[in-house]
Amino acid sequence: MAHLFVYGTLRASADHPMGRLLRDHAELIGAGSIRARLYVIDDPDEPGQNFYPGALPSPDPGDRVYGELYLITRPEHVFAAFDRYEACSPDHPEPHEFILRQIPVRMEDGQQILARSYLYSWDVSGAERVLSGRYTDRAPDVR
């Protein structure tokens, strides 16, 4: 079993097919946040047509990205599918846009849990920053 922190299209409110896969093989632990900055990424393959969130680790403890923490019951199945979805599987060229990393998640009750999360790794100088750290503030109807 493994923990996964999600902050965008995999959240339950997004109702994305990959999010449904997550919930079929995981238990929602609760809401939490990570120390990171959130950006809206303009898809380089579909400029101006497709946007998605990317969280970049931050040295500033005041920077938070909010999302959901899950306990995955079948990590081998789920992570292989998510690696393909996030374009960071071995069959995708490097450098990968997203990297699966371990990061501490601060739960709403103050507890910290170490979890994996897909974090953004490319340049964000032209990306829009989401100051609230909540992708739903920027894209409430994300699917």
N, C-alpha and C. Protein backbone atom coordinates (compact mmCIF):
# COMPACT_ATOMS: atom_id res chain seq x y z
N MET A 1 0.84 -1.18 0.00
CA MET A 1 0.00 0.00 0.00
C MET A 1 0.89 1.25 0.00
N ALA A 2 0.35 2.33 -0.56
CA ALA A 2 1.11 3.58 -0.66
C ALA A 2 0.14 4.75 -0.63
N HIS A 3 0.64 5.89 -0.17
CA HIS A 3 -0.16 7.11 -0.16
C HIS A 3 0.12 7.92 -1.43
N LEU A 4 -0.93 8.56 -1.96
CA LEU A 4 -0.81 9.44 -3.11
C LEU A 4 -1.55 10.73 -2.82
N PHE A 5 -0.87 11.86 -3.04
CA PHE A 5 -1.48 13.18 -2.89
C PHE A 5 -1.79 13.70 -4.29
N VAL A 6 -3.05 14.12 -4.51
CA VAL A 6 -3.48 14.66 -5.80
C VAL A 6 -4.03 16.06 -5.60
N TYR A 7 -3.84 16.92 -6.60
CA TYR A 7 -4.22 18.33 -6.45
C TYR A 7 -4.93 18.92 -7.66
N GLY A 8 -5.21 18.12 -8.68
CA GLY A 8 -5.81 18.67 -9.90
C GLY A 8 -6.85 17.75 -10.50
N THR A 9 -6.55 17.23 -11.68
CA THR A 9 -7.52 16.44 -12.43
C THR A 9 -7.84 15.10 -11.79
N LEU A 10 -7.05 14.66 -10.82
CA LEU A 10 -7.33 13.38 -10.15
C LEU A 10 -8.20 13.54 -8.90
N ARG A 11 -8.47 14.78 -8.50
CA ARG A 11 -9.34 15.00 -7.34
C ARG A 11 -10.76 14.52 -7.63
N ALA A 12 -11.47 14.15 -6.60
CA ALA A 12 -12.84 13.64 -6.76
C ALA A 12 -13.74 14.66 -7.45
N SER A 13 -13.58 15.94 -7.13
CA SER A 13 -14.45 16.96 -7.71
C SER A 13 -14.25 17.12 -9.21
N ALA A 14 -13.11 16.69 -9.74
CA ALA A 14 -12.84 16.83 -11.17
C ALA A 14 -13.61 15.80 -12.00
N ASP A 15 -13.97 14.68 -11.40
CA ASP A 15 -14.71 13.62 -12.09
C ASP A 15 -14.04 13.20 -13.40
N HIS A 16 -12.72 13.10 -13.36
CA HIS A 16 -11.94 12.66 -14.52
C HIS A 16 -11.87 11.13 -14.52
N PRO A 17 -11.83 10.49 -15.70
CA PRO A 17 -11.74 9.02 -15.74
C PRO A 17 -10.54 8.46 -14.95
N MET A 18 -9.41 9.16 -14.96
CA MET A 18 -8.26 8.66 -14.20
C MET A 18 -8.50 8.81 -12.70
N GLY A 19 -9.25 9.81 -12.31
CA GLY A 19 -9.63 9.95 -10.91
C GLY A 19 -10.54 8.82 -10.46
N ARG A 20 -11.41 8.40 -11.35
CA ARG A 20 -12.28 7.26 -11.03
C ARG A 20 -11.44 5.99 -10.85
N LEU A 21 -10.40 5.83 -11.67
CA LEU A 21 -9.49 4.69 -11.50
C LEU A 21 -8.84 4.74 -10.13
N LEU A 22 -8.42 5.92 -9.72
CA LEU A 22 -7.82 6.08 -8.39
C LEU A 22 -8.79 5.65 -7.31
N ARG A 23 -10.01 6.16 -7.36
CA ARG A 23 -10.98 5.84 -6.31
C ARG A 23 -11.42 4.38 -6.33
N ASP A 24 -11.29 3.71 -7.48
CA ASP A 24 -11.60 2.27 -7.54
C ASP A 24 -10.54 1.44 -6.80
N HIS A 25 -9.33 2.00 -6.64
CA HIS A 25 -8.23 1.24 -6.06
C HIS A 25 -7.60 1.94 -4.86
N ALA A 26 -8.37 2.86 -4.25
CA ALA A 26 -7.80 3.62 -3.13
C ALA A 26 -8.89 4.07 -2.18
N GLU A 27 -8.45 4.42 -1.01
CA GLU A 27 -9.35 4.96 0.02
C GLU A 27 -8.96 6.41 0.27
N LEU A 28 -9.94 7.31 0.23
CA LEU A 28 -9.69 8.72 0.53
C LEU A 28 -9.38 8.86 2.02
N ILE A 29 -8.20 9.40 2.33
CA ILE A 29 -7.82 9.65 3.72
C ILE A 29 -8.36 11.00 4.17
N GLY A 30 -8.25 12.02 3.28
CA GLY A 30 -8.77 13.33 3.62
C GLY A 30 -8.07 14.44 2.87
N ALA A 31 -8.44 15.66 3.24
CA ALA A 31 -7.86 16.85 2.61
C ALA A 31 -6.54 17.20 3.28
N GLY A 32 -5.62 17.71 2.47
CA GLY A 32 -4.33 18.11 2.99
C GLY A 32 -3.66 19.11 2.05
N SER A 33 -2.41 19.42 2.35
CA SER A 33 -1.66 20.34 1.51
C SER A 33 -0.18 19.98 1.53
N ILE A 34 0.51 20.44 0.49
CA ILE A 34 1.95 20.25 0.39
C ILE A 34 2.61 21.62 0.24
N ARG A 35 3.90 21.69 0.60
CA ARG A 35 4.64 22.94 0.42
C ARG A 35 5.09 23.01 -1.04
N ALA A 36 4.37 23.82 -1.79
CA ALA A 36 4.63 23.92 -3.22
C ALA A 36 3.91 25.16 -3.75
N ARG A 37 4.20 25.48 -5.00
CA ARG A 37 3.50 26.55 -5.72
C ARG A 37 2.73 25.89 -6.85
N LEU A 38 1.52 26.38 -7.07
CA LEU A 38 0.63 25.80 -8.08
C LEU A 38 0.60 26.70 -9.31
N TYR A 39 0.69 26.07 -10.47
CA TYR A 39 0.66 26.79 -11.75
C TYR A 39 -0.36 26.16 -12.68
N VAL A 40 -0.87 26.98 -13.60
CA VAL A 40 -1.71 26.50 -14.69
C VAL A 40 -0.78 26.35 -15.89
N ILE A 41 -0.68 25.13 -16.38
CA ILE A 41 0.22 24.82 -17.47
C ILE A 41 -0.56 24.79 -18.79
N ASP A 42 -0.06 25.52 -19.77
CA ASP A 42 -0.62 25.51 -21.12
C ASP A 42 0.04 24.34 -21.86
N ASP A 43 -0.75 23.36 -22.20
CA ASP A 43 -0.24 22.13 -22.82
C ASP A 43 0.59 22.46 -24.07
N PRO A 44 1.88 22.09 -24.07
CA PRO A 44 2.72 22.40 -25.24
C PRO A 44 2.27 21.67 -26.51
N ASP A 45 1.53 20.57 -26.37
CA ASP A 45 1.02 19.84 -27.53
C ASP A 45 -0.25 20.44 -28.09
N GLU A 46 -0.97 21.24 -27.27
CA GLU A 46 -2.22 21.88 -27.69
C GLU A 46 -2.26 23.31 -27.14
N PRO A 47 -1.33 24.18 -27.54
CA PRO A 47 -1.26 25.53 -26.96
C PRO A 47 -2.59 26.28 -27.07
N GLY A 48 -2.98 26.87 -25.94
CA GLY A 48 -4.22 27.64 -25.89
C GLY A 48 -5.49 26.81 -25.89
N GLN A 49 -5.38 25.50 -25.96
CA GLN A 49 -6.55 24.62 -26.05
C GLN A 49 -6.74 23.74 -24.82
N ASN A 50 -5.64 23.40 -24.17
CA ASN A 50 -5.70 22.47 -23.05
C ASN A 50 -4.80 22.99 -21.93
N PHE A 51 -5.36 23.03 -20.72
CA PHE A 51 -4.62 23.52 -19.57
C PHE A 51 -4.75 22.50 -18.43
N TYR A 52 -3.72 22.43 -17.59
CA TYR A 52 -3.76 21.52 -16.46
C TYR A 52 -2.86 22.07 -15.36
N PRO A 53 -3.03 21.58 -14.13
CA PRO A 53 -2.24 22.09 -13.01
C PRO A 53 -0.88 21.42 -12.91
N GLY A 54 0.06 22.17 -12.37
CA GLY A 54 1.37 21.62 -12.07
C GLY A 54 1.86 22.22 -10.76
N ALA A 55 2.21 21.40 -9.80
CA ALA A 55 2.73 21.87 -8.51
C ALA A 55 4.25 21.73 -8.53
N LEU A 56 4.91 22.79 -8.12
CA LEU A 56 6.37 22.84 -8.09
C LEU A 56 6.80 23.02 -6.64
N PRO A 57 7.64 22.14 -6.10
CA PRO A 57 8.08 22.30 -4.71
C PRO A 57 8.63 23.70 -4.47
N SER A 58 8.41 24.21 -3.26
CA SER A 58 8.83 25.56 -2.91
C SER A 58 9.64 25.55 -1.62
N PRO A 59 10.64 26.43 -1.55
CA PRO A 59 11.40 26.55 -0.30
C PRO A 59 10.65 27.35 0.77
N ASP A 60 9.58 28.06 0.37
CA ASP A 60 8.82 28.93 1.27
C ASP A 60 7.73 28.13 1.98
N PRO A 61 7.79 27.98 3.31
CA PRO A 61 6.77 27.20 4.02
C PRO A 61 5.37 27.79 3.91
N GLY A 62 5.25 29.06 3.50
CA GLY A 62 3.94 29.67 3.33
C GLY A 62 3.26 29.29 2.03
N ASP A 63 4.00 28.74 1.09
CA ASP A 63 3.42 28.29 -0.18
C ASP A 63 2.77 26.94 0.02
N ARG A 64 1.47 26.85 -0.26
CA ARG A 64 0.74 25.59 -0.06
C ARG A 64 -0.07 25.28 -1.31
N VAL A 65 -0.12 24.01 -1.65
CA VAL A 65 -1.01 23.49 -2.68
C VAL A 65 -1.93 22.50 -1.98
N TYR A 66 -3.23 22.67 -2.21
CA TYR A 66 -4.25 21.90 -1.50
C TYR A 66 -4.80 20.78 -2.39
N GLY A 67 -5.08 19.66 -1.75
CA GLY A 67 -5.61 18.53 -2.49
C GLY A 67 -6.12 17.44 -1.58
N GLU A 68 -6.07 16.21 -2.08
CA GLU A 68 -6.60 15.05 -1.37
C GLU A 68 -5.52 13.99 -1.23
N LEU A 69 -5.54 13.30 -0.11
CA LEU A 69 -4.62 12.21 0.15
C LEU A 69 -5.38 10.89 0.10
N TYR A 70 -4.81 9.94 -0.65
CA TYR A 70 -5.41 8.61 -0.80
C TYR A 70 -4.44 7.54 -0.34
N LEU A 71 -4.99 6.45 0.17
CA LEU A 71 -4.23 5.24 0.46
C LEU A 71 -4.56 4.26 -0.67
N ILE A 72 -3.56 3.92 -1.45
CA ILE A 72 -3.76 3.07 -2.63
C ILE A 72 -3.57 1.61 -2.23
N THR A 73 -4.56 0.81 -2.58
CA THR A 73 -4.53 -0.60 -2.21
C THR A 73 -3.78 -1.46 -3.23
N ARG A 74 -3.73 -1.02 -4.49
CA ARG A 74 -3.00 -1.77 -5.53
C ARG A 74 -2.03 -0.82 -6.22
N PRO A 75 -0.93 -0.44 -5.55
CA PRO A 75 -0.03 0.57 -6.10
C PRO A 75 0.58 0.18 -7.45
N GLU A 76 0.89 -1.09 -7.65
CA GLU A 76 1.52 -1.49 -8.91
C GLU A 76 0.62 -1.22 -10.10
N HIS A 77 -0.67 -1.41 -9.94
CA HIS A 77 -1.64 -1.17 -11.02
C HIS A 77 -1.87 0.33 -11.21
N VAL A 78 -2.08 1.03 -10.12
CA VAL A 78 -2.43 2.44 -10.18
C VAL A 78 -1.25 3.30 -10.66
N PHE A 79 -0.06 3.09 -10.09
CA PHE A 79 1.06 3.94 -10.47
C PHE A 79 1.50 3.72 -11.91
N ALA A 80 1.41 2.51 -12.41
CA ALA A 80 1.75 2.27 -13.82
C ALA A 80 0.80 3.06 -14.73
N ALA A 81 -0.49 3.05 -14.43
CA ALA A 81 -1.47 3.80 -15.23
C ALA A 81 -1.24 5.31 -15.10
N PHE A 82 -0.97 5.78 -13.89
CA PHE A 82 -0.75 7.22 -13.69
C PHE A 82 0.56 7.68 -14.31
N ASP A 83 1.59 6.83 -14.29
CA ASP A 83 2.84 7.20 -14.96
C ASP A 83 2.60 7.43 -16.45
N ARG A 84 1.77 6.61 -17.07
CA ARG A 84 1.43 6.82 -18.48
C ARG A 84 0.62 8.11 -18.64
N TYR A 85 -0.36 8.33 -17.77
CA TYR A 85 -1.20 9.53 -17.84
C TYR A 85 -0.37 10.80 -17.65
N GLU A 86 0.57 10.77 -16.72
CA GLU A 86 1.40 11.94 -16.43
C GLU A 86 2.64 12.02 -17.33
N ALA A 87 2.72 11.12 -18.30
CA ALA A 87 3.80 11.09 -19.30
C ALA A 87 5.18 10.98 -18.66
N CYS A 88 5.27 10.16 -17.62
CA CYS A 88 6.58 9.95 -16.99
C CYS A 88 6.91 8.47 -16.88
N SER A 89 6.27 7.66 -17.71
CA SER A 89 6.60 6.23 -17.73
C SER A 89 7.88 6.04 -18.55
N PRO A 90 8.51 4.89 -18.44
CA PRO A 90 9.75 4.65 -19.17
C PRO A 90 9.64 4.82 -20.70
N ASP A 91 8.42 4.66 -21.25
CA ASP A 91 8.28 4.81 -22.70
C ASP A 91 8.09 6.26 -23.15
N HIS A 92 8.13 7.22 -22.23
CA HIS A 92 8.06 8.65 -22.57
C HIS A 92 9.47 9.24 -22.56
N PRO A 93 9.75 10.12 -23.51
CA PRO A 93 11.11 10.71 -23.55
C PRO A 93 11.37 11.61 -22.35
N GLU A 94 12.63 11.63 -21.93
CA GLU A 94 13.04 12.52 -20.84
C GLU A 94 13.54 13.83 -21.43
N PRO A 95 13.52 14.90 -20.70
CA PRO A 95 13.10 14.98 -19.29
C PRO A 95 11.57 14.95 -19.20
N HIS A 96 11.09 14.26 -18.19
CA HIS A 96 9.65 14.14 -17.98
C HIS A 96 9.08 15.45 -17.43
N GLU A 97 7.88 15.76 -17.88
CA GLU A 97 7.19 16.97 -17.42
C GLU A 97 6.79 16.85 -15.95
N PHE A 98 6.35 15.67 -15.56
CA PHE A 98 5.98 15.39 -14.17
C PHE A 98 6.88 14.29 -13.64
N ILE A 99 7.20 14.39 -12.36
CA ILE A 99 8.03 13.39 -11.69
C ILE A 99 7.30 12.94 -10.44
N LEU A 100 7.24 11.64 -10.23
CA LEU A 100 6.62 11.09 -9.02
C LEU A 100 7.64 11.17 -7.90
N ARG A 101 7.32 11.97 -6.87
CA ARG A 101 8.25 12.17 -5.76
C ARG A 101 7.53 11.97 -4.44
N GLN A 102 8.32 11.65 -3.41
CA GLN A 102 7.75 11.60 -2.06
C GLN A 102 7.82 13.00 -1.47
N ILE A 103 6.75 13.36 -0.78
CA ILE A 103 6.65 14.69 -0.21
C ILE A 103 5.76 14.62 1.03
N PRO A 104 6.09 15.40 2.08
CA PRO A 104 5.21 15.39 3.26
C PRO A 104 3.90 16.13 2.97
N VAL A 105 2.82 15.53 3.40
CA VAL A 105 1.49 16.13 3.27
C VAL A 105 1.03 16.53 4.66
N ARG A 106 0.61 17.77 4.80
CA ARG A 106 0.06 18.25 6.06
C ARG A 106 -1.46 18.13 5.99
N MET A 107 -1.99 17.27 6.84
CA MET A 107 -3.43 17.05 6.86
C MET A 107 -4.11 18.19 7.61
N GLU A 108 -5.42 18.31 7.45
CA GLU A 108 -6.16 19.40 8.09
C GLU A 108 -6.03 19.38 9.60
N ASP A 109 -5.82 18.19 10.19
CA ASP A 109 -5.69 18.10 11.64
C ASP A 109 -4.25 18.34 12.12
N GLY A 110 -3.34 18.69 11.19
CA GLY A 110 -1.95 18.97 11.53
C GLY A 110 -1.02 17.78 11.39
N GLN A 111 -1.56 16.59 11.28
CA GLN A 111 -0.75 15.39 11.12
C GLN A 111 0.02 15.47 9.79
N GLN A 112 1.25 14.94 9.77
CA GLN A 112 2.02 14.88 8.53
C GLN A 112 2.15 13.43 8.09
N ILE A 113 1.92 13.20 6.80
CA ILE A 113 2.00 11.87 6.22
C ILE A 113 2.87 11.96 4.97
N LEU A 114 3.83 11.08 4.85
CA LEU A 114 4.68 11.04 3.67
C LEU A 114 3.92 10.34 2.55
N ALA A 115 3.85 10.99 1.39
CA ALA A 115 3.09 10.44 0.27
C ALA A 115 3.84 10.71 -1.03
N ARG A 116 3.41 10.04 -2.05
CA ARG A 116 3.91 10.32 -3.40
C ARG A 116 2.97 11.33 -4.05
N SER A 117 3.54 12.12 -4.95
CA SER A 117 2.75 13.07 -5.72
C SER A 117 3.45 13.33 -7.04
N TYR A 118 2.67 13.60 -8.07
CA TYR A 118 3.24 13.95 -9.37
C TYR A 118 3.47 15.46 -9.38
N LEU A 119 4.76 15.84 -9.35
CA LEU A 119 5.14 17.24 -9.27
C LEU A 119 5.72 17.68 -10.61
N TYR A 120 5.48 18.94 -10.93
CA TYR A 120 5.90 19.50 -12.21
C TYR A 120 7.39 19.75 -12.21
N SER A 121 8.05 19.54 -13.36
CA SER A 121 9.50 19.70 -13.39
C SER A 121 10.01 20.62 -14.51
N TRP A 122 9.14 21.10 -15.36
CA TRP A 122 9.58 21.97 -16.45
C TRP A 122 9.52 23.44 -16.03
N ASP A 123 9.98 24.31 -16.90
CA ASP A 123 10.00 25.75 -16.66
C ASP A 123 8.57 26.30 -16.49
N VAL A 124 8.38 27.13 -15.48
CA VAL A 124 7.06 27.73 -15.24
C VAL A 124 7.08 29.25 -15.43
N SER A 125 8.15 29.78 -16.02
CA SER A 125 8.27 31.23 -16.15
C SER A 125 7.13 31.85 -16.96
N GLY A 126 6.53 31.10 -17.88
CA GLY A 126 5.41 31.62 -18.66
C GLY A 126 4.07 31.13 -18.18
N ALA A 127 4.04 30.40 -17.08
CA ALA A 127 2.79 29.83 -16.57
C ALA A 127 2.10 30.78 -15.61
N GLU A 128 0.80 30.62 -15.49
CA GLU A 128 0.00 31.41 -14.55
C GLU A 128 0.06 30.75 -13.17
N ARG A 129 0.44 31.53 -12.16
CA ARG A 129 0.47 30.99 -10.81
C ARG A 129 -0.91 31.11 -10.17
N VAL A 130 -1.31 30.08 -9.44
CA VAL A 130 -2.57 30.08 -8.70
C VAL A 130 -2.20 30.37 -7.25
N LEU A 131 -2.36 31.62 -6.84
CA LEU A 131 -1.90 32.04 -5.52
C LEU A 131 -2.61 31.35 -4.37
N SER A 132 -3.87 30.96 -4.57
CA SER A 132 -4.63 30.29 -3.50
C SER A 132 -4.13 28.87 -3.26
N GLY A 133 -3.41 28.28 -4.23
CA GLY A 133 -2.96 26.90 -4.11
C GLY A 133 -4.06 25.88 -4.34
N ARG A 134 -5.21 26.35 -4.82
CA ARG A 134 -6.36 25.47 -5.06
C ARG A 134 -6.72 25.52 -6.54
N TYR A 135 -6.52 24.42 -7.23
CA TYR A 135 -6.81 24.40 -8.67
C TYR A 135 -8.30 24.62 -8.93
N THR A 136 -9.14 24.22 -8.01
CA THR A 136 -10.58 24.41 -8.19
C THR A 136 -10.94 25.89 -8.19
N ASP A 137 -10.11 26.76 -7.60
CA ASP A 137 -10.37 28.20 -7.69
C ASP A 137 -10.17 28.70 -9.11
N ARG A 138 -9.26 28.12 -9.83
CA ARG A 138 -8.94 28.54 -11.20
C ARG A 138 -9.82 27.82 -12.22
N ALA A 139 -10.11 26.56 -11.97
CA ALA A 139 -10.86 25.73 -12.91
C ALA A 139 -11.88 24.89 -12.16
N PRO A 140 -12.97 25.51 -11.68
CA PRO A 140 -13.95 24.78 -10.87
C PRO A 140 -14.65 23.63 -11.59
N ASP A 141 -14.71 23.69 -12.93
CA ASP A 141 -15.40 22.64 -13.68
C ASP A 141 -14.43 21.72 -14.39
N VAL A 142 -13.20 21.61 -13.89
CA VAL A 142 -12.20 20.78 -14.54
C VAL A 142 -12.69 19.35 -14.68
N ARG A 143 -12.47 18.79 -15.83
CA ARG A 143 -12.83 17.40 -16.10
C ARG A 143 -11.62 16.72 -16.67
